[in-house]
PDB file of N, CA and C in Angstrom:
ATOM      1  N   GLY A   1     -10.635  17.289   3.340  1.00  0.00           N
ATOM      2  CA  GLY A   1     -11.046  16.023   2.400  1.00  0.00           C
ATOM      3  C   GLY A   1     -12.085  15.193   3.117  1.00  0.00           C
ATOM      4  N   VAL A   2     -11.529  14.826   4.670  1.00  0.00           N
ATOM      5  CA  VAL A   2     -12.933  13.725   4.492  1.00  0.00           C
ATOM      6  C   VAL A   2     -14.360  13.510   5.458  1.00  0.00           C
ATOM      7  N   LEU A   3     -13.932  14.633   5.884  1.00  0.00           N
ATOM      8  CA  LEU A   3     -15.407  15.578   5.854  1.00  0.00           C
ATOM      9  C   LEU A   3     -15.988  15.926   4.518  1.00  0.00           C
ATOM     10  N   PHE A   4     -15.234  16.569   3.495  1.00  0.00           N
ATOM     11  CA  PHE A   4     -15.877  16.647   2.193  1.00  0.00           C
ATOM     12  C   PHE A   4     -16.736  15.578   2.008  1.00  0.00           C
ATOM     13  N   SER A   5     -15.855  14.447   1.623  1.00  0.00           N
ATOM     14  CA  SER A   5     -16.541  13.839   0.728  1.00  0.00           C
ATOM     15  C   SER A   5     -17.660  12.672   1.785  1.00  0.00           C
ATOM     16  N   ILE A   6     -17.964  13.423   3.252  1.00  0.00           N
ATOM     17  CA  ILE A   6     -18.657  12.199   3.524  1.00  0.00           C
ATOM     18  C   ILE A   6     -19.672  13.297   3.510  1.00  0.00           C
ATOM     19  N   GLU A   7     -19.784  15.250   3.314  1.00  0.00           N
ATOM     20  CA  GLU A   7     -20.886  15.698   3.233  1.00  0.00           C
ATOM     21  C   GLU A   7     -22.495  15.265   2.267  1.00  0.00           C
ATOM     22  N   VAL A   8     -20.777  15.171   1.075  1.00  0.00           N
ATOM     23  CA  VAL A   8     -21.638  15.016  -0.891  1.00  0.00           C
ATOM     24  C   VAL A   8     -21.637  13.450  -1.022  1.00  0.00           C
ATOM     25  N   THR A   9     -21.609  12.790  -0.347  1.00  0.00           N
ATOM     26  CA  THR A   9     -22.053  11.218  -0.036  1.00  0.00           C
ATOM     27  C   THR A   9     -22.665  11.137   0.881  1.00  0.00           C
ATOM     28  N   SER A  10     -23.387  11.689   1.620  1.00  0.00           N
ATOM     29  CA  SER A  10     -24.036  11.310   2.244  1.00  0.00           C
ATOM     30  C   SER A  10     -25.432  11.376   2.395  1.00  0.00           C
ATOM     31  N   VAL A  11     -26.179  12.117   1.020  1.00  0.00           N
ATOM     32  CA  VAL A  11     -27.009  11.962   0.272  1.00  0.00           C
ATOM     33  C   VAL A  11     -27.383  10.662  -0.376  1.00  0.00           C
ATOM     34  N   TYR A  12     -26.237  10.165  -0.649  1.00  0.00           N
ATOM     35  CA  TYR A  12     -26.441   8.551  -1.265  1.00  0.00           C
ATOM     36  C   TYR A  12     -26.154   7.757  -0.473  1.00  0.00           C
ATOM     37  N   PHE A  13     -25.766   7.520   0.556  1.00  0.00           N
ATOM     38  CA  PHE A  13     -25.365   6.121   1.458  1.00  0.00           C
ATOM     39  C   PHE A  13     -25.454   7.012   2.497  1.00  0.00           C
ATOM     40  N   ALA A  14     -25.360   6.531   3.634  1.00  0.00           N
ATOM     41  CA  ALA A  14     -26.222   5.966   5.435  1.00  0.00           C
ATOM     42  C   ALA A  14     -24.712   6.582   6.137  1.00  0.00           C
ATOM     43  N   VAL A  15     -24.522   7.542   6.412  1.00  0.00           N
ATOM     44  CA  VAL A  15     -23.174   7.787   6.877  1.00  0.00           C
ATOM     45  C   VAL A  15     -23.714   7.421   8.831  1.00  0.00           C
ATOM     46  N   ARG A  16     -24.233   6.424   9.086  1.00  0.00           N
ATOM     47  CA  ARG A  16     -24.109   5.536  10.288  1.00  0.00           C
ATOM     48  C   ARG A  16     -22.906   3.883  10.195  1.00  0.00           C
ATOM     49  N   ASN A  17     -23.008   3.728   8.590  1.00  0.00           N
ATOM     50  CA  ASN A  17     -22.814   2.804   7.558  1.00  0.00           C
ATOM     51  C   ASN A  17     -20.693   3.263   8.338  1.00  0.00           C
ATOM     52  N   TYR A  18     -20.281   4.498   7.753  1.00  0.00           N
ATOM     53  CA  TYR A  18     -19.264   4.847   7.804  1.00  0.00           C
ATOM     54  C   TYR A  18     -18.102   4.299   8.786  1.00  0.00           C
ATOM     55  N   TRP A  19     -18.683   4.524   9.683  1.00  0.00           N
ATOM     56  CA  TRP A  19     -18.411   3.979  10.972  1.00  0.00           C
ATOM     57  C   TRP A  19     -17.934   2.338  11.155  1.00  0.00           C
ATOM     58  N   ARG A  20     -19.301   1.599  11.129  1.00  0.00           N
ATOM     59  CA  ARG A  20     -18.961   0.110  10.929  1.00  0.00           C
ATOM     60  C   ARG A  20     -18.083  -0.129   9.482  1.00  0.00           C
ATOM     61  N   GLY A  21     -17.678   0.627   8.391  1.00  0.00           N
ATOM     62  CA  GLY A  21     -17.055   0.497   6.934  1.00  0.00           C
ATOM     63  C   GLY A  21     -15.180   0.300   7.705  1.00  0.00           C
ATOM     64  N   PHE A  22     -15.006   1.666   8.727  1.00  0.00           N
ATOM     65  CA  PHE A  22     -13.831   1.839   9.268  1.00  0.00           C
ATOM     66  C   PHE A  22     -13.661   1.010  10.374  1.00  0.00           C
ATOM     67  N   PHE A  23     -14.600   0.620  10.857  1.00  0.00           N
ATOM     68  CA  PHE A  23     -14.118  -0.582  12.456  1.00  0.00           C
ATOM     69  C   PHE A  23     -13.841  -2.004  11.290  1.00  0.00           C
ATOM     70  N   ALA A  24     -14.457  -2.658  10.981  1.00  0.00           N
ATOM     71  CA  ALA A  24     -14.098  -3.239   9.793  1.00  0.00           C
ATOM     72  C   ALA A  24     -13.215  -3.047   9.183  1.00  0.00           C
ATOM     73  N   ALA A  25     -12.295  -2.514   7.810  1.00  0.00           N
ATOM     74  CA  ALA A  25     -11.496  -2.119   8.455  1.00  0.00           C
ATOM     75  C   ALA A  25     -10.435  -2.226   9.155  1.00  0.00           C
ATOM     76  N   VAL A  26     -10.032  -1.582   9.943  1.00  0.00           N
ATOM     77  CA  VAL A  26      -9.137  -1.249  10.851  1.00  0.00           C
ATOM     78  C   VAL A  26      -9.092  -3.205  11.600  1.00  0.00           C
ATOM     79  N   CYS A  27     -10.501  -4.097  11.346  1.00  0.00           N
ATOM     80  CA  CYS A  27     -10.387  -5.411  12.233  1.00  0.00           C
ATOM     81  C   CYS A  27      -9.578  -6.147  11.444  1.00  0.00           C
ATOM     82  N   GLY A  28      -9.967  -5.674  10.221  1.00  0.00           N
ATOM     83  CA  GLY A  28      -8.902  -6.664   8.969  1.00  0.00           C
ATOM     84  C   GLY A  28      -7.650  -6.944   8.706  1.00  0.00           C
ATOM     85  N   ALA A  29      -7.061  -5.172   8.651  1.00  0.00           N
ATOM     86  CA  ALA A  29      -6.129  -4.525   9.183  1.00  0.00           C
ATOM     87  C   ALA A  29      -5.249  -6.158  10.402  1.00  0.00           C
ATOM     88  N   MET A  30      -5.927  -5.097  11.250  1.00  0.00           N
ATOM     89  CA  MET A  30      -5.585  -5.957  12.567  1.00  0.00           C
ATOM     90  C   MET A  30      -4.792  -7.554  12.442  1.00  0.00           C
ATOM     91  N   MET A  31      -5.966  -8.012  11.681  1.00  0.00           N
ATOM     92  CA  MET A  31      -5.661  -9.831  11.706  1.00  0.00           C
ATOM     93  C   MET A  31      -4.654 -10.628  10.537  1.00  0.00           C
ATOM     94  N   PHE A  32      -4.829  -9.535   9.464  1.00  0.00           N
ATOM     95  CA  PHE A  32      -3.819  -9.655   8.258  1.00  0.00           C
ATOM     96  C   PHE A  32      -2.418  -9.058   9.589  1.00  0.00           C
ATOM     97  N   ARG A  33      -1.967  -8.421  11.031  1.00  0.00           N
ATOM     98  CA  ARG A  33      -0.937  -8.741  11.105  1.00  0.00           C
ATOM     99  C   ARG A  33      -1.208  -9.499  11.735  1.00  0.00           C
ATOM    100  N   LEU A  34      -1.839  -9.041  12.738  1.00  0.00           N
ATOM    101  CA  LEU A  34      -1.010 -10.510  13.258  1.00  0.00           C
ATOM    102  C   LEU A  34      -1.588 -12.208  12.782  1.00  0.00           C
ATOM    103  N   LEU A  35      -2.219 -12.014  11.989  1.00  0.00           N
ATOM    104  CA  LEU A  35      -2.216 -13.546  11.545  1.00  0.00           C
ATOM    105  C   LEU A  35      -0.454 -13.789  10.481  1.00  0.00           C
ATOM    106  N   ALA A  36      -0.058 -12.689  10.336  1.00  0.00           N
ATOM    107  CA  ALA A  36       1.386 -12.902   9.817  1.00  0.00           C
ATOM    108  C   ALA A  36       2.249 -12.740  10.682  1.00  0.00           C
ATOM    109  N   VAL A  37       2.319 -12.613  11.641  1.00  0.00           N
ATOM    110  CA  VAL A  37       3.688 -12.187  13.217  1.00  0.00           C
ATOM    111  C   VAL A  37       2.801 -14.313  13.514  1.00  0.00           C
ATOM    112  N   TRP A  38       1.591 -14.431  13.162  1.00  0.00           N
ATOM    113  CA  TRP A  38       2.125 -15.762  14.823  1.00  0.00           C
ATOM    114  C   TRP A  38       1.820 -17.129  13.087  1.00  0.00           C
ATOM    115  N   PHE A  39       2.221 -16.553  11.828  1.00  0.00           N
ATOM    116  CA  PHE A  39       2.663 -17.748  10.924  1.00  0.00           C
ATOM    117  C   PHE A  39       4.323 -17.586  10.931  1.00  0.00           C
ATOM    118  N   ASN A  40       4.801 -16.223  11.498  1.00  0.00           N
ATOM    119  CA  ASN A  40       6.111 -16.010  11.227  1.00  0.00           C
ATOM    120  C   ASN A  40       6.630 -15.807   9.653  1.00  0.00           C
ATOM    121  N   ASP A  41       5.642 -15.674   9.101  1.00  0.00           N
ATOM    122  CA  ASP A  41       5.585 -15.489   7.495  1.00  0.00           C
ATOM    123  C   ASP A  41       6.368 -13.864   7.906  1.00  0.00           C
ATOM    124  N   GLU A  42       7.273 -14.191   6.258  1.00  0.00           N
ATOM    125  CA  GLU A  42       9.038 -13.632   6.696  1.00  0.00           C
ATOM    126  C   GLU A  42       7.261 -11.773   6.256  1.00  0.00           C
ATOM    127  N   GLU A  43       7.458 -12.086   4.922  1.00  0.00           N
ATOM    128  CA  GLU A  43       6.559 -11.208   3.544  1.00  0.00           C
ATOM    129  C   GLU A  43       5.308 -11.085   4.473  1.00  0.00           C
ATOM    130  N   THR A  44       5.296  -9.683   5.768  1.00  0.00           N
ATOM    131  CA  THR A  44       3.739  -8.869   6.047  1.00  0.00           C
ATOM    132  C   THR A  44       3.439  -7.677   4.686  1.00  0.00           C
ATOM    133  N   LEU A  45       3.731  -8.189   3.470  1.00  0.00           N
ATOM    134  CA  LEU A  45       3.404  -6.730   2.818  1.00  0.00           C
ATOM    135  C   LEU A  45       3.135  -7.974   1.416  1.00  0.00           C
ATOM    136  N   THR A  46       2.079  -7.346   0.417  1.00  0.00           N
ATOM    137  CA  THR A  46       1.910  -8.254  -0.609  1.00  0.00           C
ATOM    138  C   THR A  46       1.783  -7.263  -1.510  1.00  0.00           C
ATOM    139  N   ALA A  47       1.771  -7.428  -3.047  1.00  0.00           N
ATOM    140  CA  ALA A  47       2.404  -6.961  -3.470  1.00  0.00           C
ATOM    141  C   ALA A  47       1.824  -7.300  -4.673  1.00  0.00           C
ATOM    142  N   LEU A  48       1.725  -6.481  -5.402  1.00  0.00           N
ATOM    143  CA  LEU A  48       0.269  -6.890  -6.836  1.00  0.00           C
ATOM    144  C   LEU A  48       1.052  -7.434  -8.355  1.00  0.00           C
ATOM    145  N   PHE A  49       1.715  -7.032  -8.337  1.00  0.00           N
ATOM    146  CA  PHE A  49       2.658  -7.614  -9.692  1.00  0.00           C
ATOM    147  C   PHE A  49       4.532  -7.776  -8.581  1.00  0.00           C
ATOM    148  N   ALA A  50       4.868  -8.615  -9.077  1.00  0.00           N
ATOM    149  CA  ALA A  50       6.155  -9.609  -8.690  1.00  0.00           C
ATOM    150  C   ALA A  50       7.365  -7.868  -9.730  1.00  0.00           C
ATOM    151  N   THR A  51       8.325  -7.649  -8.792  1.00  0.00           N
ATOM    152  CA  THR A  51       9.443  -7.114  -9.593  1.00  0.00           C
ATOM    153  C   THR A  51      10.610  -7.789  -9.330  1.00  0.00           C
ATOM    154  N   HIS A  52      11.503  -7.903  -9.921  1.00  0.00           N
ATOM    155  CA  HIS A  52      12.983  -8.478  -9.974  1.00  0.00           C
ATOM    156  C   HIS A  52      14.030  -7.753 -10.508  1.00  0.00           C
ATOM    157  N   PHE A  53      14.416  -6.684  -9.702  1.00  0.00           N
ATOM    158  CA  PHE A  53      15.721  -5.360  -9.512  1.00  0.00           C
ATOM    159  C   PHE A  53      16.819  -6.130  -9.455  1.00  0.00           C
ATOM    160  N   GLN A  54      17.651  -5.573  -9.978  1.00  0.00           N
ATOM    161  CA  GLN A  54      19.212  -6.504  -9.377  1.00  0.00           C
ATOM    162  C   GLN A  54      19.123  -5.187  -8.834  1.00  0.00           C
ATOM    163  N   SER A  55      20.780  -6.299  -8.370  1.00  0.00           N
ATOM    164  CA  SER A  55      20.952  -5.507  -6.836  1.00  0.00           C
ATOM    165  C   SER A  55      21.781  -4.512  -6.530  1.00  0.00           C
ATOM    166  N   TYR A  56      22.822  -4.377  -8.509  1.00  0.00           N
ATOM    167  CA  TYR A  56      23.318  -1.943  -8.115  1.00  0.00           C
ATOM    168  C   TYR A  56      22.256  -2.032  -9.672  1.00  0.00           C
ATOM    169  N   PRO A  57      21.925  -0.760  -9.268  1.00  0.00           N
ATOM    170  CA  PRO A  57      20.963  -0.274 -10.346  1.00  0.00           C
ATOM    171  C   PRO A  57      21.251   0.062 -11.565  1.00  0.00           C
ATOM    172  N   PHE A  58      22.727   0.195 -11.889  1.00  0.00           N
ATOM    173  CA  PHE A  58      22.896   0.867 -13.324  1.00  0.00           C
ATOM    174  C   PHE A  58      24.836  -0.338 -13.842  1.00  0.00           C
ATOM    175  N   ASP A  59      24.051  -0.181 -15.083  1.00  0.00           N
ATOM    176  CA  ASP A  59      25.327  -1.054 -15.635  1.00  0.00           C
ATOM    177  C   ASP A  59      26.529  -0.330 -16.118  1.00  0.00           C
ATOM    178  N   PRO A  60      27.452  -0.369 -15.436  1.00  0.00           N
ATOM    179  CA  PRO A  60      29.108  -0.192 -16.101  1.00  0.00           C
ATOM    180  C   PRO A  60      28.783   1.210 -17.256  1.00  0.00           C
ATOM    181  N   MET A  61      28.730   0.394 -18.197  1.00  0.00           N
ATOM    182  CA  MET A  61      28.092   1.626 -19.494  1.00  0.00           C
ATOM    183  C   MET A  61      27.536   2.229 -19.300  1.00  0.00           C
ATOM    184  N   GLU A  62      26.222   2.021 -18.734  1.00  0.00           N
ATOM    185  CA  GLU A  62      25.146   3.771 -18.299  1.00  0.00           C
ATOM    186  C   GLU A  62      26.307   4.349 -17.247  1.00  0.00           C
ATOM    187  N   LEU A  63      27.216   4.380 -17.032  1.00  0.00           N
ATOM    188  CA  LEU A  63      27.501   5.701 -15.892  1.00  0.00           C
ATOM    189  C   LEU A  63      28.116   6.109 -17.137  1.00  0.00           C
ATOM    190  N   LEU A  64      29.204   4.982 -17.513  1.00  0.00           N
ATOM    191  CA  LEU A  64      29.859   5.696 -18.792  1.00  0.00           C
ATOM    192  C   LEU A  64      29.296   7.301 -19.472  1.00  0.00           C
ATOM    193  N   VAL A  65      28.250   6.736 -20.014  1.00  0.00           N
ATOM    194  CA  VAL A  65      27.370   7.371 -21.122  1.00  0.00           C
ATOM    195  C   VAL A  65      27.249   8.502 -19.987  1.00  0.00           C
ATOM    196  N   TYR A  66      26.410   8.160 -18.906  1.00  0.00           N
ATOM    197  CA  TYR A  66      26.055   9.630 -18.492  1.00  0.00           C
ATOM    198  C   TYR A  66      27.358  10.283 -18.224  1.00  0.00           C
ATOM    199  N   SER A  67      28.926  10.052 -17.724  1.00  0.00           N
ATOM    200  CA  SER A  67      29.157  10.805 -17.596  1.00  0.00           C
ATOM    201  C   SER A  67      30.332  11.740 -19.026  1.00  0.00           C
ATOM    202  N   PHE A  68      29.899  11.345 -19.831  1.00  0.00           N
ATOM    203  CA  PHE A  68      29.896  12.017 -21.111  1.00  0.00           C
ATOM    204  C   PHE A  68      28.538  13.204 -20.739  1.00  0.00           C
ATOM    205  N   LEU A  69      27.644  12.820 -20.426  1.00  0.00           N
ATOM    206  CA  LEU A  69      26.414  13.541 -20.320  1.00  0.00           C
ATOM    207  C   LEU A  69      26.860  14.490 -20.214  1.00  0.00           C
ATOM    208  N   GLY A  70      27.121  14.180 -19.300  1.00  0.00           N
ATOM    209  CA  GLY A  70      28.118  16.043 -18.030  1.00  0.00           C
ATOM    210  C   GLY A  70      27.269  15.717 -16.508  1.00  0.00           C
TER     211      GLY A  70
END
């Protein structure tokens, strides 16, 4: 898939910039992880949307209905 995308987009974008972009992405990811470790941040993954799930995923009434359904 990656080789095909490089072949297709080589007409519009310079291939020499792909390695630079990959290197910049790797450096950014490494700095994100290192800064999270250095500052003792508990959350190393940043969520786009906050969720508030219950600790028990099912309501007891739902389990009763599911058991009747079979």
